[in-house]
PDB file of N, CA and C in Angstrom:
ATOM      1  N   MET A   1       0.839  -1.174   0.000  1.00  0.00           N
ATOM      2  CA  MET A   1       0.000   0.000   0.000  1.00  0.00           C
ATOM      3  C   MET A   1       0.889   1.244   0.000  1.00  0.00           C
ATOM      4  N   MET A   2       0.563   2.213  -0.840  1.00  0.00           N
ATOM      5  CA  MET A   2       1.340   3.440  -0.975  1.00  0.00           C
ATOM      6  C   MET A   2       0.990   4.412   0.161  1.00  0.00           C
ATOM      7  N   PRO A   3       2.001   5.086   0.732  1.00  0.00           N
ATOM      8  CA  PRO A   3       1.695   6.078   1.768  1.00  0.00           C
ATOM      9  C   PRO A   3       0.999   7.284   1.146  1.00  0.00           C
ATOM     10  N   LYS A   4       0.192   7.958   1.947  1.00  0.00           N
ATOM     11  CA  LYS A   4      -0.478   9.167   1.470  1.00  0.00           C
ATOM     12  C   LYS A   4       0.553  10.246   1.211  1.00  0.00           C
ATOM     13  N   LYS A   5       0.346  10.968   0.117  1.00  0.00           N
ATOM     14  CA  LYS A   5       1.309  12.000  -0.253  1.00  0.00           C
ATOM     15  C   LYS A   5       1.096  13.285   0.525  1.00  0.00           C
ATOM     16  N   GLY A   6      -0.128  13.661   0.791  1.00  0.00           N
ATOM     17  CA  GLY A   6      -0.388  14.902   1.526  1.00  0.00           C
ATOM     18  C   GLY A   6      -0.060  16.137   0.698  1.00  0.00           C
ATOM     19  N   ASN A   7       0.038  17.244   1.358  1.00  0.00           N
ATOM     20  CA  ASN A   7       0.338  18.514   0.712  1.00  0.00           C
ATOM     21  C   ASN A   7       1.833  18.583   0.413  1.00  0.00           C
ATOM     22  N   PRO A   8       2.214  18.762  -0.881  1.00  0.00           N
ATOM     23  CA  PRO A   8       3.647  18.813  -1.208  1.00  0.00           C
ATOM     24  C   PRO A   8       4.386  19.929  -0.483  1.00  0.00           C
ATOM     25  N   LYS A   9       3.706  21.051  -0.214  1.00  0.00           N
ATOM     26  CA  LYS A   9       4.362  22.147   0.486  1.00  0.00           C
ATOM     27  C   LYS A   9       4.726  21.756   1.916  1.00  0.00           C
ATOM     28  N   GLU A  10       3.948  20.872   2.525  1.00  0.00           N
ATOM     29  CA  GLU A  10       4.249  20.421   3.888  1.00  0.00           C
ATOM     30  C   GLU A  10       5.474  19.513   3.922  1.00  0.00           C
ATOM     31  N   ASN A  11       5.801  18.887   2.793  1.00  0.00           N
ATOM     32  CA  ASN A  11       6.911  17.946   2.737  1.00  0.00           C
ATOM     33  C   ASN A  11       8.225  18.612   2.361  1.00  0.00           C
ATOM     34  N   ARG A  12       8.209  19.886   2.056  1.00  0.00           N
ATOM     35  CA  ARG A  12       9.418  20.584   1.650  1.00  0.00           C
ATOM     36  C   ARG A  12      10.320  20.879   2.847  1.00  0.00           C
ATOM     37  N   LEU A  13      11.611  20.776   2.613  1.00  0.00           N
ATOM     38  CA  LEU A  13      12.588  21.138   3.628  1.00  0.00           C
ATOM     39  C   LEU A  13      12.689  22.653   3.685  1.00  0.00           C
ATOM     40  N   ASP A  14      12.639  23.200   4.847  1.00  0.00           N
ATOM     41  CA  ASP A  14      12.818  24.629   5.031  1.00  0.00           C
ATOM     42  C   ASP A  14      14.309  24.931   4.934  1.00  0.00           C
ATOM     43  N   PRO A  15      14.732  25.755   3.946  1.00  0.00           N
ATOM     44  CA  PRO A  15      16.159  26.052   3.802  1.00  0.00           C
ATOM     45  C   PRO A  15      16.786  26.613   5.082  1.00  0.00           C
ATOM     46  N   ALA A  16      16.021  27.391   5.829  1.00  0.00           N
ATOM     47  CA  ALA A  16      16.555  27.975   7.066  1.00  0.00           C
ATOM     48  C   ALA A  16      16.946  26.886   8.065  1.00  0.00           C
ATOM     49  N   SER A  17      16.215  25.772   8.069  1.00  0.00           N
ATOM     50  CA  SER A  17      16.545  24.689   8.994  1.00  0.00           C
ATOM     51  C   SER A  17      17.865  24.012   8.617  1.00  0.00           C
ATOM     52  N   ALA A  18      18.320  24.258   7.388  1.00  0.00           N
ATOM     53  CA  ALA A  18      19.608  23.705   6.944  1.00  0.00           C
ATOM     54  C   ALA A  18      20.686  24.782   6.925  1.00  0.00           C
ATOM     55  N   GLY A  19      20.396  25.920   7.526  1.00  0.00           N
ATOM     56  CA  GLY A  19      21.383  26.986   7.622  1.00  0.00           C
ATOM     57  C   GLY A  19      21.488  27.877   6.402  1.00  0.00           C
ATOM     58  N   VAL A  20      20.483  27.845   5.512  1.00  0.00           N
ATOM     59  CA  VAL A  20      20.490  28.680   4.310  1.00  0.00           C
ATOM     60  C   VAL A  20      19.451  29.785   4.493  1.00  0.00           C
ATOM     61  N   ASP A  21      19.907  31.012   4.539  1.00  0.00           N
ATOM     62  CA  ASP A  21      19.017  32.158   4.743  1.00  0.00           C
ATOM     63  C   ASP A  21      18.754  32.844   3.400  1.00  0.00           C
ATOM     64  N   LEU A  22      17.661  32.441   2.747  1.00  0.00           N
ATOM     65  CA  LEU A  22      17.333  32.976   1.430  1.00  0.00           C
ATOM     66  C   LEU A  22      17.006  34.466   1.489  1.00  0.00           C
ATOM     67  N   ASP A  23      16.399  34.918   2.574  1.00  0.00           N
ATOM     68  CA  ASP A  23      16.110  36.345   2.711  1.00  0.00           C
ATOM     69  C   ASP A  23      17.402  37.160   2.782  1.00  0.00           C
ATOM     70  N   ALA A  24      18.414  36.629   3.441  1.00  0.00           N
ATOM     71  CA  ALA A  24      19.707  37.322   3.523  1.00  0.00           C
ATOM     72  C   ALA A  24      20.371  37.402   2.153  1.00  0.00           C
ATOM     73  N   ILE A  25      20.220  36.345   1.357  1.00  0.00           N
ATOM     74  CA  ILE A  25      20.772  36.372  -0.001  1.00  0.00           C
ATOM     75  C   ILE A  25      20.049  37.425  -0.824  1.00  0.00           C
ATOM     76  N   LEU A  26      18.725  37.500  -0.697  1.00  0.00           N
ATOM     77  CA  LEU A  26      17.964  38.532  -1.404  1.00  0.00           C
ATOM     78  C   LEU A  26      18.424  39.918  -0.959  1.00  0.00           C
ATOM     79  N   ASP A  27      18.679  40.083   0.319  1.00  0.00           N
ATOM     80  CA  ASP A  27      19.163  41.370   0.828  1.00  0.00           C
ATOM     81  C   ASP A  27      20.524  41.739   0.229  1.00  0.00           C
ATOM     82  N   GLU A  28      21.345  40.738  -0.070  1.00  0.00           N
ATOM     83  CA  GLU A  28      22.636  41.006  -0.717  1.00  0.00           C
ATOM     84  C   GLU A  28      22.454  41.441  -2.171  1.00  0.00           C
ATOM     85  N   ILE A  29      21.457  40.880  -2.833  1.00  0.00           N
ATOM     86  CA  ILE A  29      21.191  41.208  -4.239  1.00  0.00           C
ATOM     87  C   ILE A  29      20.493  42.556  -4.378  1.00  0.00           C
ATOM     88  N   ARG A  30      19.600  42.856  -3.448  1.00  0.00           N
ATOM     89  CA  ARG A  30      18.716  44.022  -3.544  1.00  0.00           C
ATOM     90  C   ARG A  30      19.416  45.343  -3.906  1.00  0.00           C
ATOM     91  N   PRO A  31      20.552  45.709  -3.319  1.00  0.00           N
ATOM     92  CA  PRO A  31      21.179  46.996  -3.667  1.00  0.00           C
ATOM     93  C   PRO A  31      21.593  47.090  -5.142  1.00  0.00           C
ATOM     94  N   HIS A  32      21.754  45.958  -5.794  1.00  0.00           N
ATOM     95  CA  HIS A  32      22.186  45.944  -7.185  1.00  0.00           C
ATOM     96  C   HIS A  32      21.021  46.048  -8.167  1.00  0.00           C
ATOM     97  N   LEU A  33      19.806  46.143  -7.642  1.00  0.00           N
ATOM     98  CA  LEU A  33      18.621  46.193  -8.490  1.00  0.00           C
ATOM     99  C   LEU A  33      18.179  47.609  -8.831  1.00  0.00           C
ATOM    100  N   ALA A  34      18.787  48.609  -8.215  1.00  0.00           N
ATOM    101  CA  ALA A  34      18.324  49.992  -8.334  1.00  0.00           C
ATOM    102  C   ALA A  34      18.268  50.489  -9.775  1.00  0.00           C
ATOM    103  N   ASP A  35      19.156  50.027 -10.622  1.00  0.00           N
ATOM    104  CA  ASP A  35      19.211  50.525 -12.002  1.00  0.00           C
ATOM    105  C   ASP A  35      18.315  49.743 -12.958  1.00  0.00           C
ATOM    106  N   TYR A  36      17.519  48.835 -12.448  1.00  0.00           N
ATOM    107  CA  TYR A  36      16.700  47.975 -13.308  1.00  0.00           C
ATOM    108  C   TYR A  36      15.216  48.179 -13.026  1.00  0.00           C
ATOM    109  N   ALA A  37      14.424  48.209 -14.089  1.00  0.00           N
ATOM    110  CA  ALA A  37      12.966  48.256 -13.956  1.00  0.00           C
ATOM    111  C   ALA A  37      12.464  46.847 -13.641  1.00  0.00           C
ATOM    112  N   LYS A  38      11.467  46.733 -12.768  1.00  0.00           N
ATOM    113  CA  LYS A  38      10.910  45.422 -12.424  1.00  0.00           C
ATOM    114  C   LYS A  38      10.440  44.684 -13.672  1.00  0.00           C
ATOM    115  N   LYS A  39       9.859  45.434 -14.599  1.00  0.00           N
ATOM    116  CA  LYS A  39       9.356  44.824 -15.833  1.00  0.00           C
ATOM    117  C   LYS A  39      10.496  44.157 -16.605  1.00  0.00           C
ATOM    118  N   ASP A  40      11.628  44.850 -16.715  1.00  0.00           N
ATOM    119  CA  ASP A  40      12.776  44.293 -17.439  1.00  0.00           C
ATOM    120  C   ASP A  40      13.376  43.097 -16.711  1.00  0.00           C
ATOM    121  N   LEU A  41      13.462  43.179 -15.386  1.00  0.00           N
ATOM    122  CA  LEU A  41      13.982  42.054 -14.607  1.00  0.00           C
ATOM    123  C   LEU A  41      13.082  40.832 -14.758  1.00  0.00           C
ATOM    124  N   ALA A  42      11.786  41.058 -14.628  1.00  0.00           N
ATOM    125  CA  ALA A  42      10.833  39.959 -14.731  1.00  0.00           C
ATOM    126  C   ALA A  42      10.914  39.304 -16.109  1.00  0.00           C
ATOM    127  N   GLU A  43      11.031  40.113 -17.148  1.00  0.00           N
ATOM    128  CA  GLU A  43      11.144  39.570 -18.502  1.00  0.00           C
ATOM    129  C   GLU A  43      12.413  38.727 -18.636  1.00  0.00           C
ATOM    130  N   ALA A  44      13.529  39.235 -18.115  1.00  0.00           N
ATOM    131  CA  ALA A  44      14.791  38.491 -18.176  1.00  0.00           C
ATOM    132  C   ALA A  44      14.709  37.186 -17.390  1.00  0.00           C
ATOM    133  N   MET A  45      13.914  37.166 -16.326  1.00  0.00           N
ATOM    134  CA  MET A  45      13.758  35.974 -15.494  1.00  0.00           C
ATOM    135  C   MET A  45      12.698  35.026 -16.037  1.00  0.00           C
ATOM    136  N   GLY A  46      11.877  35.514 -16.962  1.00  0.00           N
ATOM    137  CA  GLY A  46      10.806  34.690 -17.505  1.00  0.00           C
ATOM    138  C   GLY A  46       9.635  34.537 -16.561  1.00  0.00           C
ATOM    139  N   ILE A  47       9.407  35.567 -15.727  1.00  0.00           N
ATOM    140  CA  ILE A  47       8.279  35.522 -14.790  1.00  0.00           C
ATOM    141  C   ILE A  47       7.433  36.783 -14.953  1.00  0.00           C
ATOM    142  N   ASN A  48       6.290  36.781 -14.320  1.00  0.00           N
ATOM    143  CA  ASN A  48       5.387  37.916 -14.335  1.00  0.00           C
ATOM    144  C   ASN A  48       5.935  39.016 -13.417  1.00  0.00           C
ATOM    145  N   PRO A  49       5.873  40.291 -13.839  1.00  0.00           N
ATOM    146  CA  PRO A  49       6.352  41.370 -12.964  1.00  0.00           C
ATOM    147  C   PRO A  49       5.661  41.398 -11.602  1.00  0.00           C
ATOM    148  N   VAL A  50       4.405  40.987 -11.557  1.00  0.00           N
ATOM    149  CA  VAL A  50       3.679  40.962 -10.282  1.00  0.00           C
ATOM    150  C   VAL A  50       4.319  39.938  -9.337  1.00  0.00           C
ATOM    151  N   ALA A  51       4.703  38.779  -9.879  1.00  0.00           N
ATOM    152  CA  ALA A  51       5.354  37.752  -9.055  1.00  0.00           C
ATOM    153  C   ALA A  51       6.688  38.268  -8.515  1.00  0.00           C
ATOM    154  N   LEU A  52       7.438  38.973  -9.350  1.00  0.00           N
ATOM    155  CA  LEU A  52       8.692  39.570  -8.905  1.00  0.00           C
ATOM    156  C   LEU A  52       8.432  40.567  -7.785  1.00  0.00           C
ATOM    157  N   GLY A  53       7.443  41.414  -7.978  1.00  0.00           N
ATOM    158  CA  GLY A  53       7.090  42.410  -6.965  1.00  0.00           C
ATOM    159  C   GLY A  53       6.697  41.783  -5.646  1.00  0.00           C
ATOM    160  N   HIS A  54       5.990  40.660  -5.699  1.00  0.00           N
ATOM    161  CA  HIS A  54       5.563  39.985  -4.462  1.00  0.00           C
ATOM    162  C   HIS A  54       6.770  39.553  -3.634  1.00  0.00           C
ATOM    163  N   VAL A  55       7.801  39.056  -4.299  1.00  0.00           N
ATOM    164  CA  VAL A  55       8.995  38.631  -3.566  1.00  0.00           C
ATOM    165  C   VAL A  55       9.772  39.848  -3.071  1.00  0.00           C
ATOM    166  N   LEU A  56       9.974  40.829  -3.958  1.00  0.00           N
ATOM    167  CA  LEU A  56      10.755  42.004  -3.578  1.00  0.00           C
ATOM    168  C   LEU A  56      10.085  42.817  -2.476  1.00  0.00           C
ATOM    169  N   ASN A  57       8.752  42.756  -2.400  1.00  0.00           N
ATOM    170  CA  ASN A  57       8.021  43.491  -1.364  1.00  0.00           C
ATOM    171  C   ASN A  57       7.789  42.673  -0.102  1.00  0.00           C
ATOM    172  N   GLY A  58       8.290  41.434  -0.086  1.00  0.00           N
ATOM    173  CA  GLY A  58       8.179  40.610   1.117  1.00  0.00           C
ATOM    174  C   GLY A  58       6.876  39.866   1.284  1.00  0.00           C
ATOM    175  N   HIS A  59       6.029  39.844   0.249  1.00  0.00           N
ATOM    176  CA  HIS A  59       4.756  39.137   0.350  1.00  0.00           C
ATOM    177  C   HIS A  59       4.909  37.642   0.086  1.00  0.00           C
ATOM    178  N   ARG A  60       5.997  37.265  -0.581  1.00  0.00           N
ATOM    179  CA  ARG A  60       6.295  35.857  -0.837  1.00  0.00           C
ATOM    180  C   ARG A  60       7.766  35.620  -0.538  1.00  0.00           C
ATOM    181  N   LYS A  61       8.085  34.400  -0.165  1.00  0.00           N
ATOM    182  CA  LYS A  61       9.471  34.035   0.126  1.00  0.00           C
ATOM    183  C   LYS A  61      10.167  33.624  -1.172  1.00  0.00           C
ATOM    184  N   PRO A  62      11.425  34.025  -1.343  1.00  0.00           N
ATOM    185  CA  PRO A  62      12.158  33.573  -2.531  1.00  0.00           C
ATOM    186  C   PRO A  62      12.604  32.124  -2.357  1.00  0.00           C
ATOM    187  N   ASN A  63      12.811  31.441  -3.471  1.00  0.00           N
ATOM    188  CA  ASN A  63      13.458  30.131  -3.417  1.00  0.00           C
ATOM    189  C   ASN A  63      14.803  30.252  -4.108  1.00  0.00           C
ATOM    190  N   ILE A  64      15.599  29.215  -4.052  1.00  0.00           N
ATOM    191  CA  ILE A  64      16.959  29.283  -4.575  1.00  0.00           C
ATOM    192  C   ILE A  64      16.960  29.516  -6.087  1.00  0.00           C
ATOM    193  N   ALA A  65      16.012  28.926  -6.803  1.00  0.00           N
ATOM    194  CA  ALA A  65      15.934  29.114  -8.256  1.00  0.00           C
ATOM    195  C   ALA A  65      15.595  30.563  -8.591  1.00  0.00           C
ATOM    196  N   PHE A  66      14.688  31.160  -7.829  1.00  0.00           N
ATOM    197  CA  PHE A  66      14.334  32.566  -8.034  1.00  0.00           C
ATOM    198  C   PHE A  66      15.562  33.445  -7.836  1.00  0.00           C
ATOM    199  N   LEU A  67      16.299  33.215  -6.764  1.00  0.00           N
ATOM    200  CA  LEU A  67      17.478  34.037  -6.468  1.00  0.00           C
ATOM    201  C   LEU A  67      18.555  33.880  -7.536  1.00  0.00           C
ATOM    202  N   ALA A  68      18.760  32.666  -8.007  1.00  0.00           N
ATOM    203  CA  ALA A  68      19.750  32.431  -9.065  1.00  0.00           C
ATOM    204  C   ALA A  68      19.327  33.139 -10.345  1.00  0.00           C
ATOM    205  N   SER A  69      18.054  33.085 -10.667  1.00  0.00           N
ATOM    206  CA  SER A  69      17.539  33.743 -11.862  1.00  0.00           C
ATOM    207  C   SER A  69      17.637  35.261 -11.746  1.00  0.00           C
ATOM    208  N   LEU A  70      17.345  35.792 -10.573  1.00  0.00           N
ATOM    209  CA  LEU A  70      17.448  37.231 -10.338  1.00  0.00           C
ATOM    210  C   LEU A  70      18.894  37.689 -10.464  1.00  0.00           C
ATOM    211  N   ALA A  71      19.803  36.945  -9.886  1.00  0.00           N
ATOM    212  CA  ALA A  71      21.228  37.283  -9.980  1.00  0.00           C
ATOM    213  C   ALA A  71      21.680  37.275 -11.439  1.00  0.00           C
ATOM    214  N   ALA A  72      21.264  36.269 -12.192  1.00  0.00           N
ATOM    215  CA  ALA A  72      21.644  36.172 -13.605  1.00  0.00           C
ATOM    216  C   ALA A  72      21.045  37.318 -14.416  1.00  0.00           C
ATOM    217  N   ALA A  73      19.830  37.745 -14.067  1.00  0.00           N
ATOM    218  CA  ALA A  73      19.159  38.821 -14.802  1.00  0.00           C
ATOM    219  C   ALA A  73      19.924  40.139 -14.719  1.00  0.00           C
ATOM    220  N   ILE A  74      20.700  40.320 -13.647  1.00  0.00           N
ATOM    221  CA  ILE A  74      21.480  41.570 -13.521  1.00  0.00           C
ATOM    222  C   ILE A  74      22.957  41.345 -13.849  1.00  0.00           C
ATOM    223  N   GLY A  75      23.258  40.167 -14.387  1.00  0.00           N
ATOM    224  CA  GLY A  75      24.632  39.882 -14.779  1.00  0.00           C
ATOM    225  C   GLY A  75      25.491  39.290 -13.687  1.00  0.00           C
ATOM    226  N   GLY A  76      24.875  38.916 -12.590  1.00  0.00           N
ATOM    227  CA  GLY A  76      25.608  38.305 -11.486  1.00  0.00           C
ATOM    228  C   GLY A  76      25.414  36.804 -11.485  1.00  0.00           C
ATOM    229  N   SER A  77      25.795  36.179 -10.409  1.00  0.00           N
ATOM    230  CA  SER A  77      25.592  34.739 -10.260  1.00  0.00           C
ATOM    231  C   SER A  77      25.390  34.418  -8.788  1.00  0.00           C
ATOM    232  N   LEU A  78      24.857  33.268  -8.566  1.00  0.00           N
ATOM    233  CA  LEU A  78      24.639  32.780  -7.212  1.00  0.00           C
ATOM    234  C   LEU A  78      25.398  31.471  -7.088  1.00  0.00           C
ATOM    235  N   ASP A  79      26.282  31.382  -6.129  1.00  0.00           N
ATOM    236  CA  ASP A  79      27.063  30.171  -5.927  1.00  0.00           C
ATOM    237  C   ASP A  79      26.540  29.425  -4.712  1.00  0.00           C
ATOM    238  N   VAL A  80      26.299  28.156  -4.896  1.00  0.00           N
ATOM    239  CA  VAL A  80      25.924  27.275  -3.789  1.00  0.00           C
ATOM    240  C   VAL A  80      27.098  26.337  -3.608  1.00  0.00           C
ATOM    241  N   LYS A  81      27.640  26.317  -2.419  1.00  0.00           N
ATOM    242  CA  LYS A  81      28.876  25.579  -2.199  1.00  0.00           C
ATOM    243  C   LYS A  81      28.711  24.592  -1.044  1.00  0.00           C
ATOM    244  N   PHE A  82      29.231  23.399  -1.253  1.00  0.00           N
ATOM    245  CA  PHE A  82      29.235  22.372  -0.216  1.00  0.00           C
ATOM    246  C   PHE A  82      30.527  22.486   0.583  1.00  0.00           C
ATOM    247  N   HIS A  83      30.415  22.453   1.892  1.00  0.00           N
ATOM    248  CA  HIS A  83      31.568  22.457   2.779  1.00  0.00           C
ATOM    249  C   HIS A  83      31.597  21.088   3.459  1.00  0.00           C
ATOM    250  N   PRO A  84      32.590  20.257   3.135  1.00  0.00           N
ATOM    251  CA  PRO A  84      32.624  18.914   3.736  1.00  0.00           C
ATOM    252  C   PRO A  84      32.858  18.992   5.238  1.00  0.00           C
ATOM    253  N   PRO A  85      32.400  17.975   5.945  1.00  0.00           N
ATOM    254  CA  PRO A  85      32.627  17.964   7.405  1.00  0.00           C
ATOM    255  C   PRO A  85      34.099  17.847   7.723  1.00  0.00           C
ATOM    256  N   ARG A  86      34.462  18.384   8.848  1.00  0.00           N
ATOM    257  CA  ARG A  86      35.866  18.282   9.303  1.00  0.00           C
ATOM    258  C   ARG A  86      36.118  16.860   9.756  1.00  0.00           C
ATOM    259  N   LYS A  87      37.344  16.402   9.523  1.00  0.00           N
ATOM    260  CA  LYS A  87      37.699  15.057   9.973  1.00  0.00           C
ATOM    261  C   LYS A  87      37.872  15.068  11.481  1.00  0.00           C
ATOM    262  N   ARG A  88      37.497  13.978  12.087  1.00  0.00           N
ATOM    263  CA  ARG A  88      37.567  13.875  13.546  1.00  0.00           C
ATOM    264  C   ARG A  88      38.899  13.381  13.991  1.00  0.00           C
TER     265      ARG A  88
END
């Protein structure tokens, strides 16, 4: 018998619980957005300007794909790096 799937959003790992602060990453990107129109950024990201505004205004939480796309839209990049555990 297959287990019940439930709400997919309930099954998602919260990045903050793994030490990844997506809001802090957005805060690092935000100062570099001043020279760009939301419409142009949204077009470069392939999303609706309203969706972009919702994240930038704090009404929705960003995800890692959104942040990477936003960084790329302004000519930057987002690096995700693994740090191996220290040997005991």
